[in-house]
PDB file of all heavy atoms in Angstrom:
ATOM      1  N   SER A   1     164.929  -2.037  46.118  1.00  0.00           N
ATOM      2  CA  SER A   1     165.659  -3.219  45.648  1.00  0.00           C
ATOM      3  C   SER A   1     165.535  -4.382  46.634  1.00  0.00           C
ATOM      4  O   SER A   1     165.418  -5.537  46.219  1.00  0.00           O
ATOM      5  CB  SER A   1     167.117  -2.893  45.357  1.00  0.00           C
ATOM      6  OG  SER A   1     167.769  -2.442  46.516  1.00  0.00           O
ATOM      7  N   LEU A   2     165.521  -4.089  47.923  1.00  0.00           N
ATOM      8  CA  LEU A   2     165.357  -5.157  48.920  1.00  0.00           C
ATOM      9  C   LEU A   2     163.945  -5.750  48.866  1.00  0.00           C
ATOM     10  O   LEU A   2     163.780  -6.975  48.921  1.00  0.00           O
ATOM     11  CB  LEU A   2     165.645  -4.637  50.330  1.00  0.00           C
ATOM     12  CG  LEU A   2     167.109  -4.345  50.648  1.00  0.00           C
ATOM     13  CD1 LEU A   2     167.237  -3.624  51.991  1.00  0.00           C
ATOM     14  CD2 LEU A   2     167.926  -5.627  50.649  1.00  0.00           C
ATOM     15  N   ILE A   3     162.963  -4.896  48.745  1.00  0.00           N
ATOM     16  CA  ILE A   3     161.581  -5.383  48.663  1.00  0.00           C
ATOM     17  C   ILE A   3     161.408  -6.235  47.406  1.00  0.00           C
ATOM     18  O   ILE A   3     160.853  -7.336  47.451  1.00  0.00           O
ATOM     19  CB  ILE A   3     160.584  -4.204  48.693  1.00  0.00           C
ATOM     20  CG1 ILE A   3     160.613  -3.533  50.075  1.00  0.00           C
ATOM     21  CG2 ILE A   3     159.171  -4.678  48.342  1.00  0.00           C
ATOM     22  CD1 ILE A   3     159.901  -2.186  50.133  1.00  0.00           C
ATOM     23  N   ARG A   4     161.895  -5.739  46.272  1.00  0.00           N
ATOM     24  CA  ARG A   4     161.812  -6.483  45.011  1.00  0.00           C
ATOM     25  C   ARG A   4     162.485  -7.846  45.154  1.00  0.00           C
ATOM     26  O   ARG A   4     161.926  -8.872  44.757  1.00  0.00           O
ATOM     27  CB  ARG A   4     162.466  -5.688  43.878  1.00  0.00           C
ATOM     28  CG  ARG A   4     162.438  -6.386  42.526  1.00  0.00           C
ATOM     29  CD  ARG A   4     163.163  -5.606  41.438  1.00  0.00           C
ATOM     30  NE  ARG A   4     162.538  -4.320  41.160  1.00  0.00           N
ATOM     31  CZ  ARG A   4     163.005  -3.134  41.538  1.00  0.00           C
ATOM     32  NH1 ARG A   4     164.145  -3.047  42.211  1.00  0.00           N
ATOM     33  NH2 ARG A   4     162.374  -2.020  41.241  1.00  0.00           N
ATOM     34  N   TYR A   5     163.682  -7.858  45.727  1.00  0.00           N
ATOM     35  CA  TYR A   5     164.421  -9.107  45.902  1.00  0.00           C
ATOM     36  C   TYR A   5     163.599 -10.117  46.718  1.00  0.00           C
ATOM     37  O   TYR A   5     163.463 -11.278  46.323  1.00  0.00           O
ATOM     38  CB  TYR A   5     165.766  -8.834  46.589  1.00  0.00           C
ATOM     39  CG  TYR A   5     166.471 -10.106  46.987  1.00  0.00           C
ATOM     40  CD1 TYR A   5     167.185 -10.847  46.034  1.00  0.00           C
ATOM     41  CD2 TYR A   5     166.407 -10.586  48.287  1.00  0.00           C
ATOM     42  CE1 TYR A   5     167.816 -12.030  46.387  1.00  0.00           C
ATOM     43  CE2 TYR A   5     167.040 -11.769  48.644  1.00  0.00           C
ATOM     44  CZ  TYR A   5     167.732 -12.482  47.691  1.00  0.00           C
ATOM     45  OH  TYR A   5     168.356 -13.663  48.037  1.00  0.00           O
ATOM     46  N   HIS A   6     163.069  -9.693  47.850  1.00  0.00           N
ATOM     47  CA  HIS A   6     162.349 -10.618  48.729  1.00  0.00           C
ATOM     48  C   HIS A   6     161.029 -11.085  48.113  1.00  0.00           C
ATOM     49  O   HIS A   6     160.655 -12.251  48.272  1.00  0.00           O
ATOM     50  CB  HIS A   6     162.112  -9.994  50.101  1.00  0.00           C
ATOM     51  CG  HIS A   6     163.382  -9.823  50.862  1.00  0.00           C
ATOM     52  ND1 HIS A   6     164.238 -10.867  51.160  1.00  0.00           N
ATOM     53  CD2 HIS A   6     163.966  -8.722  51.382  1.00  0.00           C
ATOM     54  CE1 HIS A   6     165.281 -10.420  51.824  1.00  0.00           C
ATOM     55  NE2 HIS A   6     165.145  -9.117  51.963  1.00  0.00           N
ATOM     56  N   LEU A   7     160.343 -10.202  47.413  1.00  0.00           N
ATOM     57  CA  LEU A   7     159.105 -10.613  46.748  1.00  0.00           C
ATOM     58  C   LEU A   7     159.378 -11.693  45.707  1.00  0.00           C
ATOM     59  O   LEU A   7     158.653 -12.689  45.624  1.00  0.00           O
ATOM     60  CB  LEU A   7     158.421  -9.410  46.095  1.00  0.00           C
ATOM     61  CG  LEU A   7     157.727  -8.446  47.045  1.00  0.00           C
ATOM     62  CD1 LEU A   7     157.355  -7.163  46.307  1.00  0.00           C
ATOM     63  CD2 LEU A   7     156.492  -9.084  47.668  1.00  0.00           C
ATOM     64  N   LEU A   8     160.424 -11.508  44.921  1.00  0.00           N
ATOM     65  CA  LEU A   8     160.740 -12.480  43.879  1.00  0.00           C
ATOM     66  C   LEU A   8     161.381 -13.739  44.454  1.00  0.00           C
ATOM     67  O   LEU A   8     161.125 -14.853  43.976  1.00  0.00           O
ATOM     68  CB  LEU A   8     161.637 -11.842  42.817  1.00  0.00           C
ATOM     69  CG  LEU A   8     160.966 -10.733  42.010  1.00  0.00           C
ATOM     70  CD1 LEU A   8     161.976 -10.003  41.139  1.00  0.00           C
ATOM     71  CD2 LEU A   8     159.803 -11.275  41.176  1.00  0.00           C
ATOM     72  N   GLN A   9     162.196 -13.582  45.481  1.00  0.00           N
ATOM     73  CA  GLN A   9     162.844 -14.727  46.125  1.00  0.00           C
ATOM     74  C   GLN A   9     161.800 -15.663  46.740  1.00  0.00           C
ATOM     75  O   GLN A   9     161.937 -16.871  46.683  1.00  0.00           O
ATOM     76  CB  GLN A   9     163.815 -14.230  47.205  1.00  0.00           C
ATOM     77  CG  GLN A   9     164.648 -15.312  47.835  1.00  0.00           C
ATOM     78  CD  GLN A   9     165.735 -15.841  46.909  1.00  0.00           C
ATOM     79  OE1 GLN A   9     166.120 -15.186  45.952  1.00  0.00           O
ATOM     80  NE2 GLN A   9     166.204 -17.033  47.189  1.00  0.00           N
ATOM     81  N   ASP A  10     160.767 -15.084  47.335  1.00  0.00           N
ATOM     82  CA  ASP A  10     159.714 -15.853  47.999  1.00  0.00           C
ATOM     83  C   ASP A  10     158.392 -15.713  47.236  1.00  0.00           C
ATOM     84  O   ASP A  10     157.327 -15.536  47.825  1.00  0.00           O
ATOM     85  CB  ASP A  10     159.537 -15.374  49.448  1.00  0.00           C
ATOM     86  CG  ASP A  10     160.735 -15.693  50.328  1.00  0.00           C
ATOM     87  OD1 ASP A  10     161.409 -16.710  50.087  1.00  0.00           O
ATOM     88  OD2 ASP A  10     160.991 -14.922  51.273  1.00  0.00           O
ATOM     89  N   LEU A  11     158.480 -15.822  45.929  1.00  0.00           N
ATOM     90  CA  LEU A  11     157.321 -15.606  45.064  1.00  0.00           C
ATOM     91  C   LEU A  11     156.148 -16.508  45.438  1.00  0.00           C
ATOM     92  O   LEU A  11     154.995 -16.081  45.408  1.00  0.00           O
ATOM     93  CB  LEU A  11     157.705 -15.812  43.604  1.00  0.00           C
ATOM     94  CG  LEU A  11     156.638 -15.507  42.562  1.00  0.00           C
ATOM     95  CD1 LEU A  11     156.177 -14.054  42.657  1.00  0.00           C
ATOM     96  CD2 LEU A  11     157.166 -15.804  41.169  1.00  0.00           C
ATOM     97  N   SER A  12     156.420 -17.743  45.828  1.00  0.00           N
ATOM     98  CA  SER A  12     155.328 -18.656  46.164  1.00  0.00           C
ATOM     99  C   SER A  12     154.544 -18.166  47.383  1.00  0.00           C
ATOM    100  O   SER A  12     153.369 -18.482  47.535  1.00  0.00           O
ATOM    101  CB  SER A  12     155.853 -20.069  46.409  1.00  0.00           C
ATOM    102  OG  SER A  12     156.675 -20.106  47.560  1.00  0.00           O
ATOM    103  N   ILE A  13     155.174 -17.386  48.230  1.00  0.00           N
ATOM    104  CA  ILE A  13     154.495 -16.820  49.403  1.00  0.00           C
ATOM    105  C   ILE A  13     153.765 -15.536  49.024  1.00  0.00           C
ATOM    106  O   ILE A  13     152.651 -15.283  49.501  1.00  0.00           O
ATOM    107  CB  ILE A  13     155.511 -16.517  50.529  1.00  0.00           C
ATOM    108  CG1 ILE A  13     156.185 -17.807  51.001  1.00  0.00           C
ATOM    109  CG2 ILE A  13     154.839 -15.787  51.694  1.00  0.00           C
ATOM    110  CD1 ILE A  13     157.339 -17.572  51.977  1.00  0.00           C
ATOM    111  N   HIS A  14     154.368 -14.724  48.167  1.00  0.00           N
ATOM    112  CA  HIS A  14     153.897 -13.353  47.957  1.00  0.00           C
ATOM    113  C   HIS A  14     153.131 -13.108  46.663  1.00  0.00           C
ATOM    114  O   HIS A  14     152.791 -11.965  46.352  1.00  0.00           O
ATOM    115  CB  HIS A  14     155.076 -12.385  48.043  1.00  0.00           C
ATOM    116  CG  HIS A  14     155.798 -12.465  49.339  1.00  0.00           C
ATOM    117  ND1 HIS A  14     155.162 -12.304  50.559  1.00  0.00           N
ATOM    118  CD2 HIS A  14     157.094 -12.724  49.625  1.00  0.00           C
ATOM    119  CE1 HIS A  14     156.051 -12.446  51.535  1.00  0.00           C
ATOM    120  NE2 HIS A  14     157.218 -12.697  50.997  1.00  0.00           N
ATOM    121  N   LYS A  15     152.844 -14.148  45.910  1.00  0.00           N
ATOM    122  CA  LYS A  15     152.156 -13.979  44.627  1.00  0.00           C
ATOM    123  C   LYS A  15     150.859 -13.184  44.773  1.00  0.00           C
ATOM    124  O   LYS A  15     150.596 -12.251  44.017  1.00  0.00           O
ATOM    125  CB  LYS A  15     151.879 -15.359  44.027  1.00  0.00           C
ATOM    126  CG  LYS A  15     151.473 -15.334  42.586  1.00  0.00           C
ATOM    127  CD  LYS A  15     151.320 -16.737  42.049  1.00  0.00           C
ATOM    128  CE  LYS A  15     152.661 -17.285  41.663  1.00  0.00           C
ATOM    129  NZ  LYS A  15     152.569 -18.529  40.894  1.00  0.00           N
ATOM    130  N   ASN A  16     150.037 -13.524  45.750  1.00  0.00           N
ATOM    131  CA  ASN A  16     148.763 -12.818  45.942  1.00  0.00           C
ATOM    132  C   ASN A  16     148.973 -11.373  46.374  1.00  0.00           C
ATOM    133  O   ASN A  16     148.213 -10.491  45.976  1.00  0.00           O
ATOM    134  CB  ASN A  16     147.880 -13.557  46.953  1.00  0.00           C
ATOM    135  CG  ASN A  16     147.348 -14.854  46.377  1.00  0.00           C
ATOM    136  OD1 ASN A  16     146.995 -14.926  45.208  1.00  0.00           O
ATOM    137  ND2 ASN A  16     147.304 -15.897  47.195  1.00  0.00           N
ATOM    138  N   THR A  17     149.998 -11.129  47.164  1.00  0.00           N
ATOM    139  CA  THR A  17     150.307  -9.767  47.608  1.00  0.00           C
ATOM    140  C   THR A  17     150.740  -8.918  46.420  1.00  0.00           C
ATOM    141  O   THR A  17     150.296  -7.766  46.266  1.00  0.00           O
ATOM    142  CB  THR A  17     151.409  -9.781  48.682  1.00  0.00           C
ATOM    143  OG1 THR A  17     150.971 -10.600  49.771  1.00  0.00           O
ATOM    144  CG2 THR A  17     151.727  -8.385  49.176  1.00  0.00           C
ATOM    145  N   ILE A  18     151.589  -9.447  45.575  1.00  0.00           N
ATOM    146  CA  ILE A  18     152.035  -8.718  44.374  1.00  0.00           C
ATOM    147  C   ILE A  18     150.826  -8.393  43.502  1.00  0.00           C
ATOM    148  O   ILE A  18     150.660  -7.262  43.043  1.00  0.00           O
ATOM    149  CB  ILE A  18     153.083  -9.542  43.586  1.00  0.00           C
ATOM    150  CG1 ILE A  18     154.354  -9.737  44.408  1.00  0.00           C
ATOM    151  CG2 ILE A  18     153.390  -8.864  42.247  1.00  0.00           C
ATOM    152  CD1 ILE A  18     155.303 -10.788  43.851  1.00  0.00           C
ATOM    153  N   TYR A  19     149.994  -9.381  43.317  1.00  0.00           N
ATOM    154  CA  TYR A  19     148.818  -9.182  42.479  1.00  0.00           C
ATOM    155  C   TYR A  19     147.901  -8.104  43.061  1.00  0.00           C
ATOM    156  O   TYR A  19     147.429  -7.218  42.348  1.00  0.00           O
ATOM    157  CB  TYR A  19     148.070 -10.508  42.296  1.00  0.00           C
ATOM    158  CG  TYR A  19     147.002 -10.426  41.247  1.00  0.00           C
ATOM    159  CD1 TYR A  19     147.327 -10.481  39.891  1.00  0.00           C
ATOM    160  CD2 TYR A  19     145.676 -10.267  41.590  1.00  0.00           C
ATOM    161  CE1 TYR A  19     146.361 -10.373  38.913  1.00  0.00           C
ATOM    162  CE2 TYR A  19     144.685 -10.160  40.618  1.00  0.00           C
ATOM    163  CZ  TYR A  19     145.047 -10.215  39.289  1.00  0.00           C
ATOM    164  OH  TYR A  19     144.085 -10.100  38.324  1.00  0.00           O
ATOM    165  N   TYR A  20     147.683  -8.149  44.375  1.00  0.00           N
ATOM    166  CA  TYR A  20     146.814  -7.163  45.031  1.00  0.00           C
ATOM    167  C   TYR A  20     147.326  -5.738  44.820  1.00  0.00           C
ATOM    168  O   TYR A  20     146.583  -4.855  44.395  1.00  0.00           O
ATOM    169  CB  TYR A  20     146.708  -7.468  46.531  1.00  0.00           C
ATOM    170  CG  TYR A  20     146.029  -6.361  47.306  1.00  0.00           C
ATOM    171  CD1 TYR A  20     144.639  -6.263  47.324  1.00  0.00           C
ATOM    172  CD2 TYR A  20     146.763  -5.390  47.981  1.00  0.00           C
ATOM    173  CE1 TYR A  20     144.003  -5.240  48.006  1.00  0.00           C
ATOM    174  CE2 TYR A  20     146.132  -4.359  48.672  1.00  0.00           C
ATOM    175  CZ  TYR A  20     144.760  -4.290  48.676  1.00  0.00           C
ATOM    176  OH  TYR A  20     144.143  -3.265  49.346  1.00  0.00           O
ATOM    177  N   TRP A  21     148.588  -5.492  45.135  1.00  0.00           N
ATOM    178  CA  TRP A  21     149.139  -4.132  45.074  1.00  0.00           C
ATOM    179  C   TRP A  21     149.377  -3.672  43.637  1.00  0.00           C
ATOM    180  O   TRP A  21     149.465  -2.471  43.381  1.00  0.00           O
ATOM    181  CB  TRP A  21     150.440  -4.044  45.870  1.00  0.00           C
ATOM    182  CG  TRP A  21     150.218  -4.065  47.342  1.00  0.00           C
ATOM    183  CD1 TRP A  21     150.288  -5.151  48.177  1.00  0.00           C
ATOM    184  CD2 TRP A  21     149.897  -2.957  48.186  1.00  0.00           C
ATOM    185  NE1 TRP A  21     150.031  -4.776  49.467  1.00  0.00           N
ATOM    186  CE2 TRP A  21     149.787  -3.434  49.503  1.00  0.00           C
ATOM    187  CE3 TRP A  21     149.697  -1.599  47.946  1.00  0.00           C
ATOM    188  CZ2 TRP A  21     149.486  -2.612  50.578  1.00  0.00           C
ATOM    189  CZ3 TRP A  21     149.402  -0.774  49.021  1.00  0.00           C
ATOM    190  CH2 TRP A  21     149.295  -1.284  50.325  1.00  0.00           C
ATOM    191  N   SER A  22     149.469  -4.594  42.689  1.00  0.00           N
ATOM    192  CA  SER A  22     149.685  -4.234  41.280  1.00  0.00           C
ATOM    193  C   SER A  22     148.437  -3.653  40.637  1.00  0.00           C
ATOM    194  O   SER A  22     148.539  -2.909  39.659  1.00  0.00           O
ATOM    195  CB  SER A  22     150.135  -5.457  40.475  1.00  0.00           C
ATOM    196  OG  SER A  22     151.365  -5.923  40.929  1.00  0.00           O
ATOM    197  N   MET A  23     147.288  -4.016  41.142  1.00  0.00           N
ATOM    198  CA  MET A  23     146.012  -3.527  40.609  1.00  0.00           C
ATOM    199  C   MET A  23     145.989  -3.619  39.079  1.00  0.00           C
ATOM    200  O   MET A  23     145.709  -2.646  38.376  1.00  0.00           O
ATOM    201  CB  MET A  23     145.743  -2.097  41.087  1.00  0.00           C
ATOM    202  CG  MET A  23     145.650  -1.974  42.591  1.00  0.00           C
ATOM    203  SD  MET A  23     145.292  -0.301  43.166  1.00  0.00           S
ATOM    204  CE  MET A  23     143.558  -0.161  42.717  1.00  0.00           C
ATOM    205  N   LEU A  24     146.267  -4.790  38.569  1.00  0.00           N
ATOM    206  CA  LEU A  24     146.424  -4.987  37.132  1.00  0.00           C
ATOM    207  C   LEU A  24     145.136  -4.741  36.339  1.00  0.00           C
ATOM    208  O   LEU A  24     145.198  -4.486  35.144  1.00  0.00           O
ATOM    209  CB  LEU A  24     146.954  -6.395  36.854  1.00  0.00           C
ATOM    210  CG  LEU A  24     148.364  -6.668  37.377  1.00  0.00           C
ATOM    211  CD1 LEU A  24     148.713  -8.141  37.257  1.00  0.00           C
ATOM    212  CD2 LEU A  24     149.391  -5.800  36.673  1.00  0.00           C
ATOM    213  N   ASP A  25     144.009  -4.805  37.007  1.00  0.00           N
ATOM    214  CA  ASP A  25     142.740  -4.569  36.311  1.00  0.00           C
ATOM    215  C   ASP A  25     142.404  -3.086  36.172  1.00  0.00           C
ATOM    216  O   ASP A  25     141.449  -2.729  35.492  1.00  0.00           O
ATOM    217  CB  ASP A  25     141.594  -5.274  37.060  1.00  0.00           C
ATOM    218  CG  ASP A  25     141.754  -6.782  37.047  1.00  0.00           C
ATOM    219  OD1 ASP A  25     142.382  -7.311  36.105  1.00  0.00           O
ATOM    220  OD2 ASP A  25     141.262  -7.444  37.980  1.00  0.00           O
ATOM    221  N   GLU A  26     143.193  -2.239  36.804  1.00  0.00           N
ATOM    222  CA  GLU A  26     142.956  -0.791  36.763  1.00  0.00           C
ATOM    223  C   GLU A  26     143.879  -0.158  35.720  1.00  0.00           C
ATOM    224  O   GLU A  26     145.094  -0.291  35.788  1.00  0.00           O
ATOM    225  CB  GLU A  26     143.221  -0.180  38.145  1.00  0.00           C
ATOM    226  CG  GLU A  26     143.031   1.308  38.223  1.00  0.00           C
ATOM    227  CD  GLU A  26     141.635   1.764  37.839  1.00  0.00           C
ATOM    228  OE1 GLU A  26     140.656   1.280  38.445  1.00  0.00           O
ATOM    229  OE2 GLU A  26     141.530   2.612  36.917  1.00  0.00           O
ATOM    230  N   ASP A  27     143.285   0.530  34.757  1.00  0.00           N
ATOM    231  CA  ASP A  27     144.074   1.159  33.689  1.00  0.00           C
ATOM    232  C   ASP A  27     144.656   2.508  34.090  1.00  0.00           C
ATOM    233  O   ASP A  27     145.730   2.887  33.636  1.00  0.00           O
ATOM    234  CB  ASP A  27     143.221   1.345  32.429  1.00  0.00           C
ATOM    235  CG  ASP A  27     142.862   0.010  31.795  1.00  0.00           C
ATOM    236  OD1 ASP A  27     143.657  -0.950  31.928  1.00  0.00           O
ATOM    237  OD2 ASP A  27     141.791  -0.073  31.176  1.00  0.00           O
ATOM    238  N   ASP A  28     143.956   3.236  34.935  1.00  0.00           N
ATOM    239  CA  ASP A  28     144.361   4.584  35.305  1.00  0.00           C
ATOM    240  C   ASP A  28     145.153   4.559  36.611  1.00  0.00           C
ATOM    241  O   ASP A  28     144.593   4.294  37.681  1.00  0.00           O
ATOM    242  CB  ASP A  28     143.120   5.468  35.446  1.00  0.00           C
ATOM    243  CG  ASP A  28     143.456   6.921  35.701  1.00  0.00           C
ATOM    244  OD1 ASP A  28     144.657   7.268  35.773  1.00  0.00           O
ATOM    245  OD2 ASP A  28     142.511   7.721  35.829  1.00  0.00           O
ATOM    246  N   LEU A  29     146.439   4.843  36.539  1.00  0.00           N
ATOM    247  CA  LEU A  29     147.280   4.824  37.744  1.00  0.00           C
ATOM    248  C   LEU A  29     146.849   5.859  38.775  1.00  0.00           C
ATOM    249  O   LEU A  29     147.195   5.742  39.949  1.00  0.00           O
ATOM    250  CB  LEU A  29     148.753   5.034  37.373  1.00  0.00           C
ATOM    251  CG  LEU A  29     149.510   3.790  36.931  1.00  0.00           C
ATOM    252  CD1 LEU A  29     150.919   4.143  36.486  1.00  0.00           C
ATOM    253  CD2 LEU A  29     149.546   2.730  38.015  1.00  0.00           C
ATOM    254  N   GLU A  30     146.082   6.856  38.355  1.00  0.00           N
ATOM    255  CA  GLU A  30     145.561   7.848  39.306  1.00  0.00           C
ATOM    256  C   GLU A  30     144.625   7.200  40.331  1.00  0.00           C
ATOM    257  O   GLU A  30     144.442   7.715  41.425  1.00  0.00           O
ATOM    258  CB  GLU A  30     144.820   8.961  38.565  1.00  0.00           C
ATOM    259  CG  GLU A  30     145.708   9.827  37.713  1.00  0.00           C
ATOM    260  CD  GLU A  30     146.637  10.700  38.539  1.00  0.00           C
ATOM    261  OE1 GLU A  30     146.203  11.266  39.552  1.00  0.00           O
ATOM    262  OE2 GLU A  30     147.821  10.813  38.147  1.00  0.00           O
ATOM    263  N   ASN A  31     144.045   6.061  39.958  1.00  0.00           N
ATOM    264  CA  ASN A  31     143.116   5.355  40.843  1.00  0.00           C
ATOM    265  C   ASN A  31     143.805   4.232  41.621  1.00  0.00           C
ATOM    266  O   ASN A  31     143.131   3.367  42.165  1.00  0.00           O
ATOM    267  CB  ASN A  31     141.960   4.752  40.029  1.00  0.00           C
ATOM    268  CG  ASN A  31     141.119   5.815  39.371  1.00  0.00           C
ATOM    269  OD1 ASN A  31     140.956   6.902  39.910  1.00  0.00           O
ATOM    270  ND2 ASN A  31     140.589   5.511  38.199  1.00  0.00           N
ATOM    271  N   CYS A  32     145.120   4.258  41.649  1.00  0.00           N
ATOM    272  CA  CYS A  32     145.889   3.176  42.255  1.00  0.00           C
ATOM    273  C   CYS A  32     146.672   3.659  43.475  1.00  0.00           C
ATOM    274  O   CYS A  32     146.689   4.841  43.790  1.00  0.00           O
ATOM    275  CB  CYS A  32     146.865   2.596  41.222  1.00  0.00           C
ATOM    276  SG  CYS A  32     146.039   1.825  39.819  1.00  0.00           S
ATOM    277  N   HIS A  33     147.332   2.726  44.118  1.00  0.00           N
ATOM    278  CA  HIS A  33     148.215   3.049  45.243  1.00  0.00           C
ATOM    279  C   HIS A  33     149.488   3.718  44.718  1.00  0.00           C
ATOM    280  O   HIS A  33     149.886   3.521  43.569  1.00  0.00           O
ATOM    281  CB  HIS A  33     148.625   1.769  45.986  1.00  0.00           C
ATOM    282  CG  HIS A  33     147.479   0.919  46.410  1.00  0.00           C
ATOM    283  ND1 HIS A  33     146.653   1.240  47.458  1.00  0.00           N
ATOM    284  CD2 HIS A  33     147.015  -0.263  45.933  1.00  0.00           C
ATOM    285  CE1 HIS A  33     145.747   0.302  47.611  1.00  0.00           C
ATOM    286  NE2 HIS A  33     145.934  -0.618  46.692  1.00  0.00           N
ATOM    287  N   ALA A  34     150.158   4.431  45.589  1.00  0.00           N
ATOM    288  CA  ALA A  34     151.431   5.060  45.208  1.00  0.00           C
ATOM    289  C   ALA A  34     152.464   4.019  44.790  1.00  0.00           C
ATOM    290  O   ALA A  34     153.311   4.270  43.942  1.00  0.00           O
ATOM    291  CB  ALA A  34     151.956   5.907  46.368  1.00  0.00           C
ATOM    292  N   VAL A  35     152.381   2.840  45.355  1.00  0.00           N
ATOM    293  CA  VAL A  35     153.357   1.782  45.105  1.00  0.00           C
ATOM    294  C   VAL A  35     152.979   0.902  43.902  1.00  0.00           C
ATOM    295  O   VAL A  35     153.752   0.033  43.510  1.00  0.00           O
ATOM    296  CB  VAL A  35     153.536   0.932  46.394  1.00  0.00           C
ATOM    297  CG1 VAL A  35     152.359  -0.016  46.612  1.00  0.00           C
ATOM    298  CG2 VAL A  35     154.849   0.194  46.422  1.00  0.00           C
ATOM    299  N   THR A  36     151.832   1.152  43.286  1.00  0.00           N
ATOM    300  CA  THR A  36     151.336   0.259  42.230  1.00  0.00           C
ATOM    301  C   THR A  36     152.278   0.129  41.042  1.00  0.00           C
ATOM    302  O   THR A  36     152.522  -0.982  40.570  1.00  0.00           O
ATOM    303  CB  THR A  36     149.926   0.694  41.772  1.00  0.00           C
ATOM    304  OG1 THR A  36     149.029   0.523  42.874  1.00  0.00           O
ATOM    305  CG2 THR A  36     149.442  -0.113  40.587  1.00  0.00           C
ATOM    306  N   SER A  37     152.840   1.217  40.541  1.00  0.00           N
ATOM    307  CA  SER A  37     153.720   1.086  39.366  1.00  0.00           C
ATOM    308  C   SER A  37     154.949   0.244  39.706  1.00  0.00           C
ATOM    309  O   SER A  37     155.394  -0.581  38.896  1.00  0.00           O
ATOM    310  CB  SER A  37     154.110   2.451  38.805  1.00  0.00           C
ATOM    311  OG  SER A  37     154.781   3.219  39.775  1.00  0.00           O
ATOM    312  N   PHE A  38     155.488   0.414  40.902  1.00  0.00           N
ATOM    313  CA  PHE A  38     156.606  -0.414  41.375  1.00  0.00           C
ATOM    314  C   PHE A  38     156.190  -1.884  41.425  1.00  0.00           C
ATOM    315  O   PHE A  38     156.913  -2.769  40.968  1.00  0.00           O
ATOM    316  CB  PHE A  38     157.051   0.079  42.758  1.00  0.00           C
ATOM    317  CG  PHE A  38     157.994  -0.834  43.488  1.00  0.00           C
ATOM    318  CD1 PHE A  38     159.319  -0.947  43.090  1.00  0.00           C
ATOM    319  CD2 PHE A  38     157.557  -1.576  44.574  1.00  0.00           C
ATOM    320  CE1 PHE A  38     160.198  -1.788  43.775  1.00  0.00           C
ATOM    321  CE2 PHE A  38     158.426  -2.421  45.261  1.00  0.00           C
ATOM    322  CZ  PHE A  38     159.744  -2.517  44.850  1.00  0.00           C
ATOM    323  N   MET A  39     155.009  -2.148  41.958  1.00  0.00           N
ATOM    324  CA  MET A  39     154.530  -3.527  42.075  1.00  0.00           C
ATOM    325  C   MET A  39     154.214  -4.131  40.706  1.00  0.00           C
ATOM    326  O   MET A  39     154.390  -5.323  40.495  1.00  0.00           O
ATOM    327  CB  MET A  39     153.317  -3.590  42.995  1.00  0.00           C
ATOM    328  CG  MET A  39     153.616  -3.215  44.441  1.00  0.00           C
ATOM    329  SD  MET A  39     154.884  -4.249  45.226  1.00  0.00           S
ATOM    330  CE  MET A  39     153.991  -5.786  45.378  1.00  0.00           C
ATOM    331  N   ARG A  40     153.786  -3.292  39.765  1.00  0.00           N
ATOM    332  CA  ARG A  40     153.530  -3.799  38.412  1.00  0.00           C
ATOM    333  C   ARG A  40     154.819  -4.255  37.739  1.00  0.00           C
ATOM    334  O   ARG A  40     154.816  -5.227  36.981  1.00  0.00           O
ATOM    335  CB  ARG A  40     152.825  -2.734  37.571  1.00  0.00           C
ATOM    336  CG  ARG A  40     151.367  -2.587  37.933  1.00  0.00           C
ATOM    337  CD  ARG A  40     150.663  -1.588  37.060  1.00  0.00           C
ATOM    338  NE  ARG A  40     149.254  -1.515  37.419  1.00  0.00           N
ATOM    339  CZ  ARG A  40     148.365  -0.768  36.796  1.00  0.00           C
ATOM    340  NH1 ARG A  40     148.745  -0.007  35.765  1.00  0.00           N
ATOM    341  NH2 ARG A  40     147.106  -0.760  37.187  1.00  0.00           N
TER     342      ARG A  40
END
């Protein structure tokens, strides 16, 4: 909840970081980071 709050609070700073960890171009979560579903 703290990480989510700070990412959204400072979205203009963290937009690229959110996008990177979200791996939105990858369909299979097995090929993603452990944190990817949270970041999505």
